[in-house]
Amino acid sequence: MVCRNDASPHPCRLHRWGTRVLALRGLRAAEIDALIERGDPTAVVPPPDRPA
């Protein structure tokens, strides 16, 4: 697989950065994978449940 952004081998630098940012935001790996699978750059992700 190659990156759609710059044709570099997958996972490209942009993919790794985006995954890291989403993980820091609190999304679990399965949620990130679902976003990637959907491939919708405008997808709205609900905030993660946080203990009160």
N, C-alpha and C. Protein backbone atom coordinates (compact mmCIF):
# COMPACT_ATOMS: atom_id res chain seq x y z
N MET A 1 0.84 -1.18 0.00
CA MET A 1 0.00 0.00 0.00
C MET A 1 0.88 1.24 0.00
N VAL A 2 0.37 2.27 -0.63
CA VAL A 2 1.07 3.56 -0.65
C VAL A 2 0.13 4.65 -0.16
N CYS A 3 0.72 5.70 0.37
CA CYS A 3 -0.03 6.84 0.89
C CYS A 3 -0.67 7.62 -0.26
N ARG A 4 -1.94 7.99 -0.07
CA ARG A 4 -2.61 8.82 -1.08
C ARG A 4 -2.06 10.23 -1.08
N ASN A 5 -1.46 10.63 0.03
CA ASN A 5 -0.94 11.99 0.15
C ASN A 5 0.32 12.20 -0.68
N ASP A 6 1.30 11.29 -0.54
CA ASP A 6 2.58 11.51 -1.23
C ASP A 6 3.18 10.25 -1.85
N ALA A 7 2.40 9.18 -1.91
CA ALA A 7 2.81 7.91 -2.53
C ALA A 7 3.98 7.24 -1.80
N SER A 8 4.22 7.60 -0.55
CA SER A 8 5.25 6.91 0.22
C SER A 8 4.66 5.61 0.77
N PRO A 9 5.52 4.67 1.16
CA PRO A 9 5.01 3.41 1.69
C PRO A 9 4.14 3.62 2.93
N HIS A 10 3.10 2.81 3.04
CA HIS A 10 2.18 2.88 4.18
C HIS A 10 2.79 2.14 5.35
N PRO A 11 2.70 2.60 6.57
CA PRO A 11 2.08 3.85 7.00
C PRO A 11 3.03 5.02 6.80
N CYS A 12 2.53 6.03 6.15
CA CYS A 12 3.34 7.21 5.88
C CYS A 12 3.44 8.09 7.12
N ARG A 13 4.24 9.11 7.02
CA ARG A 13 4.44 10.04 8.13
C ARG A 13 3.13 10.70 8.54
N LEU A 14 2.30 11.09 7.58
CA LEU A 14 1.01 11.72 7.88
C LEU A 14 0.09 10.75 8.62
N HIS A 15 0.06 9.50 8.20
CA HIS A 15 -0.76 8.48 8.86
C HIS A 15 -0.31 8.29 10.32
N ARG A 16 0.99 8.17 10.51
CA ARG A 16 1.51 7.97 11.87
C ARG A 16 1.19 9.18 12.75
N TRP A 17 1.34 10.39 12.21
CA TRP A 17 1.03 11.60 12.96
C TRP A 17 -0.45 11.64 13.32
N GLY A 18 -1.31 11.40 12.34
CA GLY A 18 -2.75 11.45 12.57
C GLY A 18 -3.20 10.42 13.60
N THR A 19 -2.65 9.22 13.50
CA THR A 19 -2.98 8.18 14.47
C THR A 19 -2.55 8.58 15.87
N ARG A 20 -1.37 9.16 15.98
CA ARG A 20 -0.86 9.60 17.27
C ARG A 20 -1.74 10.71 17.87
N VAL A 21 -2.16 11.67 17.04
CA VAL A 21 -3.00 12.77 17.51
C VAL A 21 -4.35 12.24 17.99
N LEU A 22 -4.96 11.33 17.22
CA LEU A 22 -6.25 10.78 17.63
C LEU A 22 -6.12 9.98 18.92
N ALA A 23 -5.04 9.23 19.08
CA ALA A 23 -4.82 8.47 20.30
C ALA A 23 -4.64 9.42 21.50
N LEU A 24 -3.92 10.51 21.30
CA LEU A 24 -3.75 11.49 22.37
C LEU A 24 -5.08 12.16 22.73
N ARG A 25 -5.97 12.24 21.76
CA ARG A 25 -7.31 12.82 21.96
C ARG A 25 -8.20 11.88 22.77
N GLY A 26 -7.78 10.61 22.90
CA GLY A 26 -8.53 9.67 23.72
C GLY A 26 -9.23 8.57 22.95
N LEU A 27 -9.08 8.54 21.63
CA LEU A 27 -9.72 7.48 20.87
C LEU A 27 -8.94 6.19 21.02
N ARG A 28 -9.68 5.09 21.07
CA ARG A 28 -9.06 3.77 21.15
C ARG A 28 -8.66 3.33 19.75
N ALA A 29 -7.77 2.35 19.69
CA ALA A 29 -7.26 1.86 18.41
C ALA A 29 -8.40 1.42 17.49
N ALA A 30 -9.42 0.76 18.04
CA ALA A 30 -10.55 0.30 17.23
C ALA A 30 -11.32 1.47 16.62
N GLU A 31 -11.45 2.57 17.37
CA GLU A 31 -12.14 3.75 16.86
C GLU A 31 -11.34 4.41 15.74
N ILE A 32 -10.04 4.46 15.92
CA ILE A 32 -9.16 5.04 14.89
C ILE A 32 -9.22 4.18 13.63
N ASP A 33 -9.16 2.86 13.80
CA ASP A 33 -9.25 1.95 12.65
C ASP A 33 -10.57 2.12 11.92
N ALA A 34 -11.67 2.33 12.67
CA ALA A 34 -12.98 2.52 12.04
C ALA A 34 -13.00 3.81 11.22
N LEU A 35 -12.38 4.88 11.74
CA LEU A 35 -12.32 6.13 10.98
C LEU A 35 -11.52 5.94 9.69
N ILE A 36 -10.41 5.25 9.80
CA ILE A 36 -9.57 5.02 8.62
C ILE A 36 -10.31 4.16 7.60
N GLU A 37 -10.99 3.15 8.08
CA GLU A 37 -11.76 2.26 7.19
C GLU A 37 -12.83 3.03 6.44
N ARG A 38 -13.51 3.92 7.16
CA ARG A 38 -14.56 4.72 6.54
C ARG A 38 -13.99 5.68 5.52
N GLY A 39 -12.79 6.21 5.80
CA GLY A 39 -12.11 7.07 4.84
C GLY A 39 -12.79 8.41 4.61
N ASP A 40 -13.54 8.89 5.57
CA ASP A 40 -14.24 10.17 5.42
C ASP A 40 -13.47 11.27 6.13
N PRO A 41 -12.79 12.15 5.40
CA PRO A 41 -11.99 13.18 6.05
C PRO A 41 -12.82 14.20 6.81
N THR A 42 -14.13 14.24 6.60
CA THR A 42 -14.97 15.19 7.32
C THR A 42 -15.76 14.51 8.44
N ALA A 43 -15.44 13.27 8.75
CA ALA A 43 -16.17 12.52 9.77
C ALA A 43 -16.04 13.22 11.12
N VAL A 44 -17.15 13.31 11.82
CA VAL A 44 -17.18 13.90 13.16
C VAL A 44 -17.12 12.76 14.16
N VAL A 45 -16.17 12.85 15.05
CA VAL A 45 -15.99 11.82 16.07
C VAL A 45 -16.51 12.35 17.38
N PRO A 46 -17.45 11.62 18.02
CA PRO A 46 -17.92 12.09 19.32
C PRO A 46 -16.81 12.04 20.35
N PRO A 47 -16.86 12.93 21.32
CA PRO A 47 -15.81 12.90 22.35
C PRO A 47 -15.85 11.59 23.11
N PRO A 48 -14.71 11.10 23.55
CA PRO A 48 -14.69 9.84 24.30
C PRO A 48 -15.34 10.01 25.67
N ASP A 49 -15.92 8.93 26.18
CA ASP A 49 -16.48 8.95 27.52
C ASP A 49 -15.35 9.08 28.52
N ARG A 50 -15.48 10.03 29.40
CA ARG A 50 -14.47 10.23 30.43
C ARG A 50 -15.13 10.11 31.79
N PRO A 51 -14.44 9.45 32.70
CA PRO A 51 -15.02 9.36 34.05
C PRO A 51 -15.16 10.75 34.67
N ALA A 52 -16.21 10.94 35.41
CA ALA A 52 -16.48 12.25 36.03
C ALA A 52 -15.60 12.53 37.22
